[in-house]
Amino acid sequence: MRTTSSFDRFAGLAAILAALTGLLYSIAFVVLQNVLLSSLFLMLGGLLSLVALVALFERLGEVDTQVAMLGLMLGAIAALGATIHGGYDLANAINPPGALPEGVANLPSPIDPRGLLTFGVAGLSVFVAGSLMRHSPRFSGGFTALTFVLGTLLIVVYLGRLIVLTPSSPLVLLPAAVTGFIINPLWYLLLGLNLRRDGVTVPATKQAVA
């Protein structure tokens, strides 16, 4: 017997909101080029994704507890890194620092250099999730394939930002646009629907009490 707990429903809602904030972040960052909004959505998205990932890897722990724990640790580090990165940029957007030398202004973020956590480590966490989904009946083959696509794109975006640097380069812009506008929001939306629909197994003793 399976039942959907209050945390399952909350995590599902958090995943759906993470899809929305991820899309809004991409719009604010790429289209509007509004630092205040993009920072706010990055910070909120990190917190929301953390809630969703806890519920996701709890389910995947049925396949392999230790691998799921590793995936959750990577995901939590990535989510908190994105949250801190967004909070750092938001603080600077609200109270801009004084003029800095060009070399200093172009230094990577000391918290999340070139998106190491937001994209690179997040991609590794998603890959771990995909490897476990292959052995779980809770997730369809289509969603598992989408998970591997997302993990690949996140790592490509990180490598592009690390090596190419120029944001307008197609090597950076194209993977980032596909990830931010399509794949990432779609993945979190489907994950949220799955979490709200699929419950957790209730032990036999609890069934008897019910």
C-alpha atoms as a PDB file:
ATOM      1  CA  MET A   1       0.000   0.000   0.000  1.00  0.00           C
ATOM      2  CA  ARG A   2       1.216   3.502  -0.811  1.00  0.00           C
ATOM      3  CA  THR A   3       0.188   6.797   0.666  1.00  0.00           C
ATOM      4  CA  THR A   4       1.190  10.371  -0.086  1.00  0.00           C
ATOM      5  CA  SER A   5       2.490  12.174   2.990  1.00  0.00           C
ATOM      6  CA  SER A   6       2.286  15.896   3.630  1.00  0.00           C
ATOM      7  CA  PHE A   7       6.008  16.167   2.854  1.00  0.00           C
ATOM      8  CA  ASP A   8       5.490  14.367  -0.474  1.00  0.00           C
ATOM      9  CA  ARG A   9       2.859  16.904  -1.448  1.00  0.00           C
ATOM     10  CA  PHE A  10       5.047  19.766  -0.233  1.00  0.00           C
ATOM     11  CA  ALA A  11       8.071  18.427  -2.104  1.00  0.00           C
ATOM     12  CA  GLY A  12       5.978  18.014  -5.243  1.00  0.00           C
ATOM     13  CA  LEU A  13       4.800  21.608  -4.969  1.00  0.00           C
ATOM     14  CA  ALA A  14       8.386  22.731  -4.339  1.00  0.00           C
ATOM     15  CA  ALA A  15       9.515  20.948  -7.516  1.00  0.00           C
ATOM     16  CA  ILE A  16       6.774  22.613  -9.559  1.00  0.00           C
ATOM     17  CA  LEU A  17       7.726  26.005  -8.107  1.00  0.00           C
ATOM     18  CA  ALA A  18      11.399  25.201  -8.839  1.00  0.00           C
ATOM     19  CA  ALA A  19      10.399  24.692 -12.480  1.00  0.00           C
ATOM     20  CA  LEU A  20       8.731  28.102 -12.478  1.00  0.00           C
ATOM     21  CA  THR A  21      11.571  29.927 -10.736  1.00  0.00           C
ATOM     22  CA  GLY A  22      14.107  28.234 -13.016  1.00  0.00           C
ATOM     23  CA  LEU A  23      12.251  29.518 -16.055  1.00  0.00           C
ATOM     24  CA  LEU A  24      11.916  32.987 -14.532  1.00  0.00           C
ATOM     25  CA  TYR A  25      15.639  32.983 -13.736  1.00  0.00           C
ATOM     26  CA  SER A  26      16.457  32.263 -17.372  1.00  0.00           C
ATOM     27  CA  ILE A  27      14.129  35.022 -18.549  1.00  0.00           C
ATOM     28  CA  ALA A  28      15.566  37.526 -16.076  1.00  0.00           C
ATOM     29  CA  PHE A  29      19.178  36.546 -16.820  1.00  0.00           C
ATOM     30  CA  VAL A  30      19.076  36.147 -20.599  1.00  0.00           C
ATOM     31  CA  VAL A  31      16.177  38.275 -21.826  1.00  0.00           C
ATOM     32  CA  LEU A  32      15.722  41.021 -19.233  1.00  0.00           C
ATOM     33  CA  GLN A  33      19.352  41.023 -18.058  1.00  0.00           C
ATOM     34  CA  ASN A  34      18.057  42.083 -14.654  1.00  0.00           C
ATOM     35  CA  VAL A  35      20.591  41.177 -11.973  1.00  0.00           C
ATOM     36  CA  LEU A  36      18.206  41.745  -9.066  1.00  0.00           C
ATOM     37  CA  LEU A  37      15.509  39.433 -10.439  1.00  0.00           C
ATOM     38  CA  SER A  38      17.895  36.749 -11.705  1.00  0.00           C
ATOM     39  CA  SER A  39      19.649  36.675  -8.321  1.00  0.00           C
ATOM     40  CA  LEU A  40      16.345  36.419  -6.469  1.00  0.00           C
ATOM     41  CA  PHE A  41      15.083  33.564  -8.642  1.00  0.00           C
ATOM     42  CA  LEU A  42      18.422  31.723  -8.401  1.00  0.00           C
ATOM     43  CA  MET A  43      18.300  31.937  -4.607  1.00  0.00           C
ATOM     44  CA  LEU A  44      14.677  30.785  -4.382  1.00  0.00           C
ATOM     45  CA  GLY A  45      15.219  28.053  -6.956  1.00  0.00           C
ATOM     46  CA  GLY A  46      18.078  26.599  -4.949  1.00  0.00           C
ATOM     47  CA  LEU A  47      15.945  26.317  -1.812  1.00  0.00           C
ATOM     48  CA  LEU A  48      12.979  24.827  -3.661  1.00  0.00           C
ATOM     49  CA  SER A  49      15.099  22.288  -5.519  1.00  0.00           C
ATOM     50  CA  LEU A  50      16.632  21.113  -2.249  1.00  0.00           C
ATOM     51  CA  VAL A  51      13.203  20.155  -0.902  1.00  0.00           C
ATOM     52  CA  ALA A  52      12.372  18.297  -4.112  1.00  0.00           C
ATOM     53  CA  LEU A  53      15.690  16.438  -4.164  1.00  0.00           C
ATOM     54  CA  VAL A  54      15.206  15.149  -0.617  1.00  0.00           C
ATOM     55  CA  ALA A  55      11.945  13.479  -1.669  1.00  0.00           C
ATOM     56  CA  LEU A  56      13.439  12.237  -4.938  1.00  0.00           C
ATOM     57  CA  PHE A  57      16.450  10.520  -3.387  1.00  0.00           C
ATOM     58  CA  GLU A  58      14.308   9.124  -0.565  1.00  0.00           C
ATOM     59  CA  ARG A  59      12.501   7.145  -3.257  1.00  0.00           C
ATOM     60  CA  LEU A  60      15.704   6.215  -5.046  1.00  0.00           C
ATOM     61  CA  GLY A  61      17.099   4.905  -1.768  1.00  0.00           C
ATOM     62  CA  GLU A  62      14.894   1.869  -2.361  1.00  0.00           C
ATOM     63  CA  VAL A  63      17.300   0.936  -5.175  1.00  0.00           C
ATOM     64  CA  ASP A  64      20.596   1.650  -3.392  1.00  0.00           C
ATOM     65  CA  THR A  65      20.703   3.576  -0.123  1.00  0.00           C
ATOM     66  CA  GLN A  66      24.372   4.552  -0.253  1.00  0.00           C
ATOM     67  CA  VAL A  67      24.326   5.730  -3.871  1.00  0.00           C
ATOM     68  CA  ALA A  68      21.138   7.678  -3.200  1.00  0.00           C
ATOM     69  CA  MET A  69      22.802   9.298  -0.185  1.00  0.00           C
ATOM     70  CA  LEU A  70      25.733  10.335  -2.385  1.00  0.00           C
ATOM     71  CA  GLY A  71      23.346  11.781  -4.955  1.00  0.00           C
ATOM     72  CA  LEU A  72      21.460  13.710  -2.289  1.00  0.00           C
ATOM     73  CA  MET A  73      24.689  15.092  -0.828  1.00  0.00           C
ATOM     74  CA  LEU A  74      25.778  16.306  -4.270  1.00  0.00           C
ATOM     75  CA  GLY A  75      22.334  17.753  -4.928  1.00  0.00           C
ATOM     76  CA  ALA A  76      22.196  19.484  -1.549  1.00  0.00           C
ATOM     77  CA  ILE A  77      25.646  21.025  -2.065  1.00  0.00           C
ATOM     78  CA  ALA A  78      24.600  22.217  -5.527  1.00  0.00           C
ATOM     79  CA  ALA A  79      21.270  23.610  -4.295  1.00  0.00           C
ATOM     80  CA  LEU A  80      22.827  25.437  -1.358  1.00  0.00           C
ATOM     81  CA  GLY A  81      25.619  26.696  -3.613  1.00  0.00           C
ATOM     82  CA  ALA A  82      23.038  28.160  -5.989  1.00  0.00           C
ATOM     83  CA  THR A  83      21.167  29.676  -3.036  1.00  0.00           C
ATOM     84  CA  ILE A  84      24.286  31.320  -1.622  1.00  0.00           C
ATOM     85  CA  HIS A  85      25.387  32.472  -5.085  1.00  0.00           C
ATOM     86  CA  GLY A  86      21.978  34.034  -5.669  1.00  0.00           C
ATOM     87  CA  GLY A  87      21.977  35.627  -2.223  1.00  0.00           C
ATOM     88  CA  TYR A  88      25.459  37.062  -2.788  1.00  0.00           C
ATOM     89  CA  ASP A  89      24.480  38.587  -6.126  1.00  0.00           C
ATOM     90  CA  LEU A  90      21.192  39.826  -4.663  1.00  0.00           C
ATOM     91  CA  ALA A  91      23.016  41.603  -1.839  1.00  0.00           C
ATOM     92  CA  ASN A  92      25.272  43.327  -4.381  1.00  0.00           C
ATOM     93  CA  ALA A  93      22.291  44.246  -6.567  1.00  0.00           C
ATOM     94  CA  ILE A  94      20.413  45.856  -3.676  1.00  0.00           C
ATOM     95  CA  ASN A  95      23.479  47.663  -2.295  1.00  0.00           C
ATOM     96  CA  PRO A  96      25.991  47.913  -5.163  1.00  0.00           C
ATOM     97  CA  PRO A  97      29.646  48.070  -4.103  1.00  0.00           C
ATOM     98  CA  GLY A  98      31.853  50.896  -5.226  1.00  0.00           C
ATOM     99  CA  ALA A  99      33.665  50.858  -8.556  1.00  0.00           C
ATOM    100  CA  LEU A 100      36.126  47.992  -8.864  1.00  0.00           C
ATOM    101  CA  PRO A 101      39.099  47.540 -11.204  1.00  0.00           C
ATOM    102  CA  GLU A 102      38.107  45.598 -14.315  1.00  0.00           C
ATOM    103  CA  GLY A 103      40.266  42.614 -13.391  1.00  0.00           C
ATOM    104  CA  VAL A 104      38.677  42.345  -9.963  1.00  0.00           C
ATOM    105  CA  ALA A 105      35.150  42.808 -11.328  1.00  0.00           C
ATOM    106  CA  ASN A 106      35.680  39.911 -13.758  1.00  0.00           C
ATOM    107  CA  LEU A 107      36.856  37.441 -11.131  1.00  0.00           C
ATOM    108  CA  PRO A 108      34.661  34.341 -10.775  1.00  0.00           C
ATOM    109  CA  SER A 109      32.391  34.051  -7.773  1.00  0.00           C
ATOM    110  CA  PRO A 110      34.368  32.689  -4.800  1.00  0.00           C
ATOM    111  CA  ILE A 111      31.243  30.781  -3.740  1.00  0.00           C
ATOM    112  CA  ASP A 112      30.276  29.214  -7.050  1.00  0.00           C
ATOM    113  CA  PRO A 113      33.130  29.761  -9.537  1.00  0.00           C
ATOM    114  CA  ARG A 114      31.739  29.722 -13.087  1.00  0.00           C
ATOM    115  CA  GLY A 115      28.738  27.761 -11.852  1.00  0.00           C
ATOM    116  CA  LEU A 116      30.743  24.840 -10.409  1.00  0.00           C
ATOM    117  CA  LEU A 117      27.993  24.043  -7.892  1.00  0.00           C
ATOM    118  CA  THR A 118      24.927  25.428  -9.703  1.00  0.00           C
ATOM    119  CA  PHE A 119      25.692  23.515 -12.894  1.00  0.00           C
ATOM    120  CA  GLY A 120      28.650  21.149 -12.514  1.00  0.00           C
ATOM    121  CA  VAL A 121      27.863  19.453  -9.203  1.00  0.00           C
ATOM    122  CA  ALA A 122      24.130  19.639  -9.931  1.00  0.00           C
ATOM    123  CA  GLY A 123      24.768  17.724 -13.145  1.00  0.00           C
ATOM    124  CA  LEU A 124      26.611  14.996 -11.234  1.00  0.00           C
ATOM    125  CA  SER A 125      23.698  14.706  -8.797  1.00  0.00           C
ATOM    126  CA  VAL A 126      21.242  14.377 -11.667  1.00  0.00           C
ATOM    127  CA  PHE A 127      23.412  11.677 -13.254  1.00  0.00           C
ATOM    128  CA  VAL A 128      23.352   9.719  -9.999  1.00  0.00           C
ATOM    129  CA  ALA A 129      19.571  10.056  -9.923  1.00  0.00           C
ATOM    130  CA  GLY A 130      19.304   8.815 -13.503  1.00  0.00           C
ATOM    131  CA  SER A 131      21.475   5.772 -12.797  1.00  0.00           C
ATOM    132  CA  LEU A 132      19.160   4.804  -9.936  1.00  0.00           C
ATOM    133  CA  MET A 133      15.973   5.552 -11.881  1.00  0.00           C
ATOM    134  CA  ARG A 134      16.937   2.874 -14.400  1.00  0.00           C
ATOM    135  CA  HIS A 135      16.292   0.277 -11.692  1.00  0.00           C
ATOM    136  CA  SER A 136      13.211   1.869 -10.115  1.00  0.00           C
ATOM    137  CA  PRO A 137       9.630   1.145 -11.242  1.00  0.00           C
ATOM    138  CA  ARG A 138       8.574   4.543  -9.915  1.00  0.00           C
ATOM    139  CA  PHE A 139      10.059   6.398 -12.897  1.00  0.00           C
ATOM    140  CA  SER A 140       9.309   5.935 -16.589  1.00  0.00           C
ATOM    141  CA  GLY A 141      11.943   5.325 -19.218  1.00  0.00           C
ATOM    142  CA  GLY A 142      11.142   8.687 -20.788  1.00  0.00           C
ATOM    143  CA  PHE A 143      11.704  10.594 -17.566  1.00  0.00           C
ATOM    144  CA  THR A 144      14.902   8.648 -16.915  1.00  0.00           C
ATOM    145  CA  ALA A 145      16.183   9.602 -20.383  1.00  0.00           C
ATOM    146  CA  LEU A 146      15.249  13.236 -19.725  1.00  0.00           C
ATOM    147  CA  THR A 147      17.213  13.030 -16.481  1.00  0.00           C
ATOM    148  CA  PHE A 148      20.374  11.971 -18.313  1.00  0.00           C
ATOM    149  CA  VAL A 149      19.852  14.748 -20.878  1.00  0.00           C
ATOM    150  CA  LEU A 150      19.552  17.316 -18.089  1.00  0.00           C
ATOM    151  CA  GLY A 151      22.648  16.021 -16.325  1.00  0.00           C
ATOM    152  CA  THR A 152      24.668  16.188 -19.545  1.00  0.00           C
ATOM    153  CA  LEU A 153      23.506  19.721 -20.354  1.00  0.00           C
ATOM    154  CA  LEU A 154      24.261  21.005 -16.858  1.00  0.00           C
ATOM    155  CA  ILE A 155      27.839  19.764 -17.093  1.00  0.00           C
ATOM    156  CA  VAL A 156      28.200  21.170 -20.636  1.00  0.00           C
ATOM    157  CA  VAL A 157      26.967  24.574 -19.398  1.00  0.00           C
ATOM    158  CA  TYR A 158      29.509  24.521 -16.579  1.00  0.00           C
ATOM    159  CA  LEU A 159      32.371  23.564 -18.907  1.00  0.00           C
ATOM    160  CA  GLY A 160      31.300  26.257 -21.366  1.00  0.00           C
ATOM    161  CA  ARG A 161      31.305  28.935 -18.681  1.00  0.00           C
ATOM    162  CA  LEU A 162      34.632  27.658 -17.344  1.00  0.00           C
ATOM    163  CA  ILE A 163      36.488  27.451 -20.663  1.00  0.00           C
ATOM    164  CA  VAL A 164      34.829  29.836 -23.113  1.00  0.00           C
ATOM    165  CA  LEU A 165      33.841  32.620 -20.667  1.00  0.00           C
ATOM    166  CA  THR A 166      32.126  34.762 -23.329  1.00  0.00           C
ATOM    167  CA  PRO A 167      28.378  34.558 -22.506  1.00  0.00           C
ATOM    168  CA  SER A 168      27.331  35.390 -26.071  1.00  0.00           C
ATOM    169  CA  SER A 169      29.303  32.490 -27.566  1.00  0.00           C
ATOM    170  CA  PRO A 170      27.015  29.814 -29.097  1.00  0.00           C
ATOM    171  CA  LEU A 171      29.031  27.205 -27.187  1.00  0.00           C
ATOM    172  CA  VAL A 172      27.725  28.771 -23.964  1.00  0.00           C
ATOM    173  CA  LEU A 173      24.459  30.383 -25.004  1.00  0.00           C
ATOM    174  CA  LEU A 174      22.831  27.455 -26.834  1.00  0.00           C
ATOM    175  CA  PRO A 175      23.239  24.765 -24.131  1.00  0.00           C
ATOM    176  CA  ALA A 176      22.325  27.293 -21.431  1.00  0.00           C
ATOM    177  CA  ALA A 177      19.180  28.371 -23.295  1.00  0.00           C
ATOM    178  CA  VAL A 178      18.026  24.798 -23.955  1.00  0.00           C
ATOM    179  CA  THR A 179      18.684  23.882 -20.320  1.00  0.00           C
ATOM    180  CA  GLY A 180      17.199  26.975 -18.712  1.00  0.00           C
ATOM    181  CA  PHE A 181      14.160  27.504 -20.922  1.00  0.00           C
ATOM    182  CA  ILE A 182      13.158  23.910 -21.697  1.00  0.00           C
ATOM    183  CA  ILE A 183      14.851  20.907 -20.096  1.00  0.00           C
ATOM    184  CA  ASN A 184      15.334  22.067 -16.500  1.00  0.00           C
ATOM    185  CA  PRO A 185      11.786  23.484 -16.046  1.00  0.00           C
ATOM    186  CA  LEU A 186      10.278  20.438 -17.748  1.00  0.00           C
ATOM    187  CA  TRP A 187      12.249  18.041 -15.542  1.00  0.00           C
ATOM    188  CA  TYR A 188      11.224  19.736 -12.310  1.00  0.00           C
ATOM    189  CA  LEU A 189       7.613  20.008 -13.447  1.00  0.00           C
ATOM    190  CA  LEU A 190       7.409  16.280 -14.218  1.00  0.00           C
ATOM    191  CA  LEU A 191       9.246  15.468 -10.996  1.00  0.00           C
ATOM    192  CA  GLY A 192       6.754  17.543  -9.024  1.00  0.00           C
ATOM    193  CA  LEU A 193       3.794  15.798 -10.605  1.00  0.00           C
ATOM    194  CA  ASN A 194       5.412  12.433  -9.896  1.00  0.00           C
ATOM    195  CA  LEU A 195       6.084  13.284  -6.244  1.00  0.00           C
ATOM    196  CA  ARG A 196       2.527  14.471  -5.665  1.00  0.00           C
ATOM    197  CA  ARG A 197       1.067  11.381  -7.336  1.00  0.00           C
ATOM    198  CA  ASP A 198       3.386   8.681  -5.999  1.00  0.00           C
ATOM    199  CA  GLY A 199       3.421   7.993  -2.286  1.00  0.00           C
ATOM    200  CA  VAL A 200       5.701   6.099   0.052  1.00  0.00           C
ATOM    201  CA  THR A 201       5.338   2.481   1.069  1.00  0.00           C
ATOM    202  CA  VAL A 202       3.534   2.011   4.360  1.00  0.00           C
ATOM    203  CA  PRO A 203       4.906  -0.820   6.529  1.00  0.00           C
ATOM    204  CA  ALA A 204       2.527  -3.649   7.350  1.00  0.00           C
ATOM    205  CA  THR A 205       2.345  -2.668  11.030  1.00  0.00           C
ATOM    206  CA  LYS A 206       1.135   0.794  10.097  1.00  0.00           C
ATOM    207  CA  GLN A 207      -1.380  -0.659   7.672  1.00  0.00           C
ATOM    208  CA  ALA A 208      -2.814  -2.743  10.482  1.00  0.00           C
ATOM    209  CA  VAL A 209      -3.161   0.316  12.713  1.00  0.00           C
ATOM    210  CA  ALA A 210      -4.855   2.194   9.861  1.00  0.00           C
END
